[in-house]
PDB file of N, CA and C in Angstrom:
ATOM      1  N   UNK A   1     121.458  59.011  63.545  1.00  0.00           N
ATOM      2  CA  UNK A   1     120.499  59.942  62.996  1.00  0.00           C
ATOM      3  C   UNK A   1     119.830  60.686  64.150  1.00  0.00           C
ATOM      4  N   UNK A   2     119.702  61.972  64.007  1.00  0.00           N
ATOM      5  CA  UNK A   2     119.063  62.782  65.038  1.00  0.00           C
ATOM      6  C   UNK A   2     117.564  62.483  65.085  1.00  0.00           C
ATOM      7  N   UNK A   3     117.021  62.511  66.272  1.00  0.00           N
ATOM      8  CA  UNK A   3     115.597  62.234  66.454  1.00  0.00           C
ATOM      9  C   UNK A   3     114.806  63.522  66.272  1.00  0.00           C
ATOM     10  N   UNK A   4     113.723  63.442  65.524  1.00  0.00           N
ATOM     11  CA  UNK A   4     112.827  64.576  65.344  1.00  0.00           C
ATOM     12  C   UNK A   4     111.970  64.701  66.595  1.00  0.00           C
ATOM     13  N   UNK A   5     111.963  65.870  67.174  1.00  0.00           N
ATOM     14  CA  UNK A   5     111.199  66.068  68.406  1.00  0.00           C
ATOM     15  C   UNK A   5     109.858  66.722  68.125  1.00  0.00           C
ATOM     16  N   UNK A   6     108.955  66.594  69.086  1.00  0.00           N
ATOM     17  CA  UNK A   6     107.652  67.226  68.972  1.00  0.00           C
ATOM     18  C   UNK A   6     107.791  68.737  68.886  1.00  0.00           C
ATOM     19  N   UNK A   7     108.753  69.277  69.599  1.00  0.00           N
ATOM     20  CA  UNK A   7     108.974  70.721  69.560  1.00  0.00           C
ATOM     21  C   UNK A   7     109.368  71.184  68.162  1.00  0.00           C
ATOM     22  N   UNK A   8     110.205  70.394  67.494  1.00  0.00           N
ATOM     23  CA  UNK A   8     110.615  70.723  66.134  1.00  0.00           C
ATOM     24  C   UNK A   8     109.428  70.648  65.182  1.00  0.00           C
ATOM     25  N   UNK A   9     108.612  69.612  65.342  1.00  0.00           N
ATOM     26  CA  UNK A   9     107.419  69.458  64.501  1.00  0.00           C
ATOM     27  C   UNK A   9     106.498  70.662  64.684  1.00  0.00           C
ATOM     28  N   UNK A  10     106.287  71.066  65.926  1.00  0.00           N
ATOM     29  CA  UNK A  10     105.422  72.216  66.195  1.00  0.00           C
ATOM     30  C   UNK A  10     105.995  73.493  65.574  1.00  0.00           C
ATOM     31  N   UNK A  11     107.306  73.675  65.681  1.00  0.00           N
ATOM     32  CA  UNK A  11     107.940  74.864  65.113  1.00  0.00           C
ATOM     33  C   UNK A  11     107.821  74.874  63.590  1.00  0.00           C
ATOM     34  N   UNK A  12     108.028  73.719  62.955  1.00  0.00           N
ATOM     35  CA  UNK A  12     107.893  73.638  61.495  1.00  0.00           C
ATOM     36  C   UNK A  12     106.468  73.935  61.051  1.00  0.00           C
ATOM     37  N   UNK A  13     105.494  73.351  61.722  1.00  0.00           N
ATOM     38  CA  UNK A  13     104.095  73.592  61.371  1.00  0.00           C
ATOM     39  C   UNK A  13     103.746  75.064  61.510  1.00  0.00           C
ATOM     40  N   UNK A  14     104.269  75.677  62.552  1.00  0.00           N
ATOM     41  CA  UNK A  14     103.990  77.090  62.788  1.00  0.00           C
ATOM     42  C   UNK A  14     104.681  77.977  61.756  1.00  0.00           C
ATOM     43  N   UNK A  15     105.963  77.726  61.518  1.00  0.00           N
ATOM     44  CA  UNK A  15     106.731  78.590  60.615  1.00  0.00           C
ATOM     45  C   UNK A  15     106.371  78.385  59.143  1.00  0.00           C
ATOM     46  N   UNK A  16     106.151  77.131  58.743  1.00  0.00           N
ATOM     47  CA  UNK A  16     105.885  76.859  57.330  1.00  0.00           C
ATOM     48  C   UNK A  16     104.421  77.055  56.943  1.00  0.00           C
ATOM     49  N   UNK A  17     103.513  76.702  57.855  1.00  0.00           N
ATOM     50  CA  UNK A  17     102.087  76.696  57.502  1.00  0.00           C
ATOM     51  C   UNK A  17     101.237  77.591  58.391  1.00  0.00           C
ATOM     52  N   UNK A  18     101.862  78.295  59.333  1.00  0.00           N
ATOM     53  CA  UNK A  18     101.130  79.119  60.293  1.00  0.00           C
ATOM     54  C   UNK A  18     100.032  78.301  60.968  1.00  0.00           C
ATOM     55  N   UNK A  19     100.396  77.073  61.364  1.00  0.00           N
ATOM     56  CA  UNK A  19      99.449  76.124  61.945  1.00  0.00           C
ATOM     57  C   UNK A  19      99.921  75.731  63.336  1.00  0.00           C
ATOM     58  N   UNK A  20      99.050  75.817  64.282  1.00  0.00           N
ATOM     59  CA  UNK A  20      99.385  75.472  65.666  1.00  0.00           C
ATOM     60  C   UNK A  20      98.979  74.021  65.922  1.00  0.00           C
ATOM     61  N   UNK A  21      99.955  73.201  66.266  1.00  0.00           N
ATOM     62  CA  UNK A  21      99.710  71.792  66.567  1.00  0.00           C
ATOM     63  C   UNK A  21      99.595  71.582  68.071  1.00  0.00           C
ATOM     64  N   UNK A  22      98.703  70.681  68.458  1.00  0.00           N
ATOM     65  CA  UNK A  22      98.614  70.276  69.855  1.00  0.00           C
ATOM     66  C   UNK A  22      99.830  69.411  70.192  1.00  0.00           C
ATOM     67  N   UNK A  23     100.174  69.354  71.459  1.00  0.00           N
ATOM     68  CA  UNK A  23     101.342  68.581  71.890  1.00  0.00           C
ATOM     69  C   UNK A  23     101.243  67.112  71.496  1.00  0.00           C
ATOM     70  N   UNK A  24     100.066  66.499  71.697  1.00  0.00           N
ATOM     71  CA  UNK A  24      99.929  65.072  71.376  1.00  0.00           C
ATOM     72  C   UNK A  24     100.023  64.824  69.871  1.00  0.00           C
ATOM     73  N   UNK A  25      99.496  65.734  69.055  1.00  0.00           N
ATOM     74  CA  UNK A  25      99.598  65.583  67.603  1.00  0.00           C
ATOM     75  C   UNK A  25     101.048  65.710  67.154  1.00  0.00           C
ATOM     76  N   UNK A  26     101.757  66.672  67.696  1.00  0.00           N
ATOM     77  CA  UNK A  26     103.166  66.845  67.341  1.00  0.00           C
ATOM     78  C   UNK A  26     103.994  65.639  67.749  1.00  0.00           C
ATOM     79  N   UNK A  27     103.696  65.074  68.908  1.00  0.00           N
ATOM     80  CA  UNK A  27     104.402  63.875  69.366  1.00  0.00           C
ATOM     81  C   UNK A  27     104.133  62.698  68.424  1.00  0.00           C
ATOM     82  N   UNK A  28     102.889  62.542  68.003  1.00  0.00           N
ATOM     83  CA  UNK A  28     102.531  61.460  67.062  1.00  0.00           C
ATOM     84  C   UNK A  28     103.242  61.633  65.730  1.00  0.00           C
ATOM     85  N   UNK A  29     103.260  62.849  65.219  1.00  0.00           N
ATOM     86  CA  UNK A  29     103.926  63.112  63.941  1.00  0.00           C
ATOM     87  C   UNK A  29     105.417  62.827  64.053  1.00  0.00           C
ATOM     88  N   UNK A  30     106.039  63.270  65.124  1.00  0.00           N
ATOM     89  CA  UNK A  30     107.466  63.022  65.322  1.00  0.00           C
ATOM     90  C   UNK A  30     107.750  61.518  65.379  1.00  0.00           C
ATOM     91  N   UNK A  31     106.892  60.772  66.052  1.00  0.00           N
ATOM     92  CA  UNK A  31     107.059  59.323  66.144  1.00  0.00           C
ATOM     93  C   UNK A  31     106.908  58.668  64.766  1.00  0.00           C
ATOM     94  N   UNK A  32     105.902  59.084  63.995  1.00  0.00           N
ATOM     95  CA  UNK A  32     105.684  58.500  62.662  1.00  0.00           C
ATOM     96  C   UNK A  32     106.856  58.799  61.732  1.00  0.00           C
ATOM     97  N   UNK A  33     107.346  60.020  61.764  1.00  0.00           N
ATOM     98  CA  UNK A  33     108.478  60.382  60.912  1.00  0.00           C
ATOM     99  C   UNK A  33     109.712  59.567  61.300  1.00  0.00           C
ATOM    100  N   UNK A  34     109.922  59.389  62.582  1.00  0.00           N
ATOM    101  CA  UNK A  34     111.043  58.578  63.031  1.00  0.00           C
ATOM    102  C   UNK A  34     110.932  57.138  62.568  1.00  0.00           C
ATOM    103  N   UNK A  35     109.738  56.575  62.647  1.00  0.00           N
ATOM    104  CA  UNK A  35     109.526  55.197  62.199  1.00  0.00           C
ATOM    105  C   UNK A  35     109.741  55.082  60.692  1.00  0.00           C
ATOM    106  N   UNK A  36     109.242  56.049  59.939  1.00  0.00           N
ATOM    107  CA  UNK A  36     109.419  56.015  58.482  1.00  0.00           C
ATOM    108  C   UNK A  36     110.892  56.118  58.113  1.00  0.00           C
ATOM    109  N   UNK A  37     111.634  56.954  58.804  1.00  0.00           N
ATOM    110  CA  UNK A  37     113.063  57.089  58.524  1.00  0.00           C
ATOM    111  C   UNK A  37     113.798  55.792  58.824  1.00  0.00           C
ATOM    112  N   UNK A  38     113.425  55.142  59.920  1.00  0.00           N
ATOM    113  CA  UNK A  38     114.051  53.871  60.286  1.00  0.00           C
ATOM    114  C   UNK A  38     113.779  52.810  59.229  1.00  0.00           C
ATOM    115  N   UNK A  39     112.517  52.684  58.816  1.00  0.00           N
ATOM    116  CA  UNK A  39     112.160  51.663  57.834  1.00  0.00           C
ATOM    117  C   UNK A  39     112.673  51.987  56.441  1.00  0.00           C
ATOM    118  N   UNK A  40     112.794  53.260  56.100  1.00  0.00           N
ATOM    119  CA  UNK A  40     113.283  53.614  54.767  1.00  0.00           C
ATOM    120  C   UNK A  40     114.726  53.174  54.571  1.00  0.00           C
ATOM    121  N   UNK A  41     115.500  53.116  55.658  1.00  0.00           N
ATOM    122  CA  UNK A  41     116.882  52.638  55.540  1.00  0.00           C
ATOM    123  C   UNK A  41     116.935  51.167  55.179  1.00  0.00           C
ATOM    124  N   UNK A  42     115.888  50.429  55.462  1.00  0.00           N
ATOM    125  CA  UNK A  42     115.856  48.999  55.147  1.00  0.00           C
ATOM    126  C   UNK A  42     115.485  48.737  53.694  1.00  0.00           C
ATOM    127  N   UNK A  43     114.931  49.714  53.001  1.00  0.00           N
ATOM    128  CA  UNK A  43     114.492  49.504  51.623  1.00  0.00           C
ATOM    129  C   UNK A  43     115.627  49.121  50.692  1.00  0.00           C
ATOM    130  N   UNK A  44     116.806  49.686  50.901  1.00  0.00           N
ATOM    131  CA  UNK A  44     117.902  49.382  50.000  1.00  0.00           C
ATOM    132  C   UNK A  44     118.354  47.925  50.113  1.00  0.00           C
ATOM    133  N   UNK A  45     117.986  47.229  51.179  1.00  0.00           N
ATOM    134  CA  UNK A  45     118.353  45.825  51.301  1.00  0.00           C
ATOM    135  C   UNK A  45     117.393  44.918  50.521  1.00  0.00           C
ATOM    136  N   UNK A  46     116.246  45.450  50.108  1.00  0.00           N
ATOM    137  CA  UNK A  46     115.289  44.681  49.323  1.00  0.00           C
ATOM    138  C   UNK A  46     115.648  44.787  47.843  1.00  0.00           C
ATOM    139  N   UNK A  47     115.337  43.754  47.098  1.00  0.00           N
ATOM    140  CA  UNK A  47     115.589  43.798  45.662  1.00  0.00           C
ATOM    141  C   UNK A  47     114.334  44.342  44.976  1.00  0.00           C
ATOM    142  N   UNK A  48     114.291  45.654  44.794  1.00  0.00           N
ATOM    143  CA  UNK A  48     113.134  46.306  44.191  1.00  0.00           C
ATOM    144  C   UNK A  48     113.388  46.703  42.739  1.00  0.00           C
ATOM    145  N   UNK A  49     114.447  46.176  42.140  1.00  0.00           N
ATOM    146  CA  UNK A  49     114.787  46.500  40.769  1.00  0.00           C
ATOM    147  C   UNK A  49     113.631  46.143  39.842  1.00  0.00           C
ATOM    148  N   UNK A  50     113.262  47.068  39.000  1.00  0.00           N
ATOM    149  CA  UNK A  50     112.216  46.816  38.014  1.00  0.00           C
ATOM    150  C   UNK A  50     110.810  47.152  38.472  1.00  0.00           C
ATOM    151  N   UNK A  51     110.626  47.468  39.743  1.00  0.00           N
ATOM    152  CA  UNK A  51     109.301  47.829  40.229  1.00  0.00           C
ATOM    153  C   UNK A  51     109.079  49.307  39.946  1.00  0.00           C
ATOM    154  N   UNK A  52     107.995  49.585  39.254  1.00  0.00           N
ATOM    155  CA  UNK A  52     107.668  50.963  38.913  1.00  0.00           C
ATOM    156  C   UNK A  52     106.928  51.628  40.063  1.00  0.00           C
ATOM    157  N   UNK A  53     107.131  52.919  40.249  1.00  0.00           N
ATOM    158  CA  UNK A  53     106.316  53.624  41.234  1.00  0.00           C
ATOM    159  C   UNK A  53     104.852  53.606  40.764  1.00  0.00           C
ATOM    160  N   UNK A  54     103.901  53.747  41.673  1.00  0.00           N
ATOM    161  CA  UNK A  54     102.493  53.609  41.299  1.00  0.00           C
ATOM    162  C   UNK A  54     102.041  54.588  40.219  1.00  0.00           C
ATOM    163  N   UNK A  55     102.661  55.750  40.132  1.00  0.00           N
ATOM    164  CA  UNK A  55     102.278  56.705  39.104  1.00  0.00           C
ATOM    165  C   UNK A  55     103.422  56.979  38.134  1.00  0.00           C
ATOM    166  N   UNK A  56     104.305  55.993  37.978  1.00  0.00           N
ATOM    167  CA  UNK A  56     105.390  56.132  37.024  1.00  0.00           C
ATOM    168  C   UNK A  56     104.868  56.092  35.600  1.00  0.00           C
ATOM    169  N   UNK A  57     105.663  56.564  34.660  1.00  0.00           N
ATOM    170  CA  UNK A  57     105.233  56.665  33.269  1.00  0.00           C
ATOM    171  C   UNK A  57     104.814  55.308  32.706  1.00  0.00           C
ATOM    172  N   UNK A  58     105.615  54.287  32.956  1.00  0.00           N
ATOM    173  CA  UNK A  58     105.295  52.964  32.402  1.00  0.00           C
ATOM    174  C   UNK A  58     103.965  52.450  32.940  1.00  0.00           C
ATOM    175  N   UNK A  59     103.691  52.675  34.200  1.00  0.00           N
ATOM    176  CA  UNK A  59     102.428  52.243  34.800  1.00  0.00           C
ATOM    177  C   UNK A  59     101.257  53.009  34.201  1.00  0.00           C
ATOM    178  N   UNK A  60     101.393  54.315  34.068  1.00  0.00           N
ATOM    179  CA  UNK A  60     100.328  55.121  33.467  1.00  0.00           C
ATOM    180  C   UNK A  60     100.084  54.725  32.021  1.00  0.00           C
ATOM    181  N   UNK A  61     101.141  54.447  31.276  1.00  0.00           N
ATOM    182  CA  UNK A  61     101.003  54.030  29.884  1.00  0.00           C
ATOM    183  C   UNK A  61     100.277  52.689  29.782  1.00  0.00           C
ATOM    184  N   UNK A  62     100.629  51.751  30.637  1.00  0.00           N
ATOM    185  CA  UNK A  62      99.972  50.445  30.632  1.00  0.00           C
ATOM    186  C   UNK A  62      98.487  50.579  30.981  1.00  0.00           C
ATOM    187  N   UNK A  63      98.176  51.433  31.935  1.00  0.00           N
ATOM    188  CA  UNK A  63      96.774  51.642  32.309  1.00  0.00           C
ATOM    189  C   UNK A  63      96.000  52.309  31.174  1.00  0.00           C
ATOM    190  N   UNK A  64      96.613  53.268  30.503  1.00  0.00           N
ATOM    191  CA  UNK A  64      95.958  53.917  29.358  1.00  0.00           C
ATOM    192  C   UNK A  64      95.695  52.903  28.250  1.00  0.00           C
ATOM    193  N   UNK A  65      96.659  52.029  27.988  1.00  0.00           N
ATOM    194  CA  UNK A  65      96.466  50.980  26.977  1.00  0.00           C
ATOM    195  C   UNK A  65      95.343  50.030  27.367  1.00  0.00           C
ATOM    196  N   UNK A  66      95.278  49.662  28.639  1.00  0.00           N
ATOM    197  CA  UNK A  66      94.213  48.763  29.106  1.00  0.00           C
ATOM    198  C   UNK A  66      92.846  49.418  28.942  1.00  0.00           C
ATOM    199  N   UNK A  67      92.734  50.687  29.302  1.00  0.00           N
ATOM    200  CA  UNK A  67      91.457  51.390  29.167  1.00  0.00           C
ATOM    201  C   UNK A  67      91.075  51.513  27.695  1.00  0.00           C
ATOM    202  N   UNK A  68      92.044  51.843  26.853  1.00  0.00           N
ATOM    203  CA  UNK A  68      91.785  51.960  25.418  1.00  0.00           C
ATOM    204  C   UNK A  68      91.270  50.642  24.855  1.00  0.00           C
ATOM    205  N   UNK A  69      91.884  49.518  25.246  1.00  0.00           N
ATOM    206  CA  UNK A  69      91.444  48.197  24.750  1.00  0.00           C
ATOM    207  C   UNK A  69      90.039  47.885  25.241  1.00  0.00           C
ATOM    208  N   UNK A  70      89.750  48.182  26.530  1.00  0.00           N
ATOM    209  CA  UNK A  70      88.431  47.863  27.061  1.00  0.00           C
ATOM    210  C   UNK A  70      87.357  48.722  26.405  1.00  0.00           C
ATOM    211  N   UNK A  71      87.668  49.974  26.074  1.00  0.00           N
ATOM    212  CA  UNK A  71      86.705  50.837  25.404  1.00  0.00           C
ATOM    213  C   UNK A  71      86.445  50.377  23.968  1.00  0.00           C
ATOM    214  N   UNK A  72      87.512  49.970  23.266  1.00  0.00           N
ATOM    215  CA  UNK A  72      87.335  49.543  21.880  1.00  0.00           C
ATOM    216  C   UNK A  72      86.638  48.188  21.791  1.00  0.00           C
ATOM    217  N   UNK A  73      86.856  47.317  22.754  1.00  0.00           N
ATOM    218  CA  UNK A  73      86.159  46.020  22.736  1.00  0.00           C
ATOM    219  C   UNK A  73      84.700  46.158  23.163  1.00  0.00           C
ATOM    220  N   UNK A  74      84.399  47.134  24.000  1.00  0.00           N
ATOM    221  CA  UNK A  74      83.027  47.353  24.441  1.00  0.00           C
ATOM    222  C   UNK A  74      82.193  48.072  23.415  1.00  0.00           C
ATOM    223  N   UNK A  75      82.842  48.758  22.461  1.00  0.00           N
ATOM    224  CA  UNK A  75      82.118  49.521  21.454  1.00  0.00           C
ATOM    225  C   UNK A  75      81.635  48.639  20.315  1.00  0.00           C
ATOM    226  N   UNK A  76      82.099  47.395  20.247  1.00  0.00           N
ATOM    227  CA  UNK A  76      81.729  46.498  19.139  1.00  0.00           C
ATOM    228  C   UNK A  76      80.378  45.893  19.335  1.00  0.00           C
TER     229      UNK A  76
END
């Protein structure tokens, strides 16, 4: 996998957002992105079957049901 460089980060920030990044900030961002890419490759080795994303439909539905129950029990 190609390494993301600070120069690339600075160019993206400038071209996409018209934002000028300092050299140290661009270096930090490049390092964080590289670390995230490395660790994301390890996710497929974990058994995450059945885990819902934090804002997935099933999670939101369960939270809505919990709030509805707490409101109806508190109104009595």
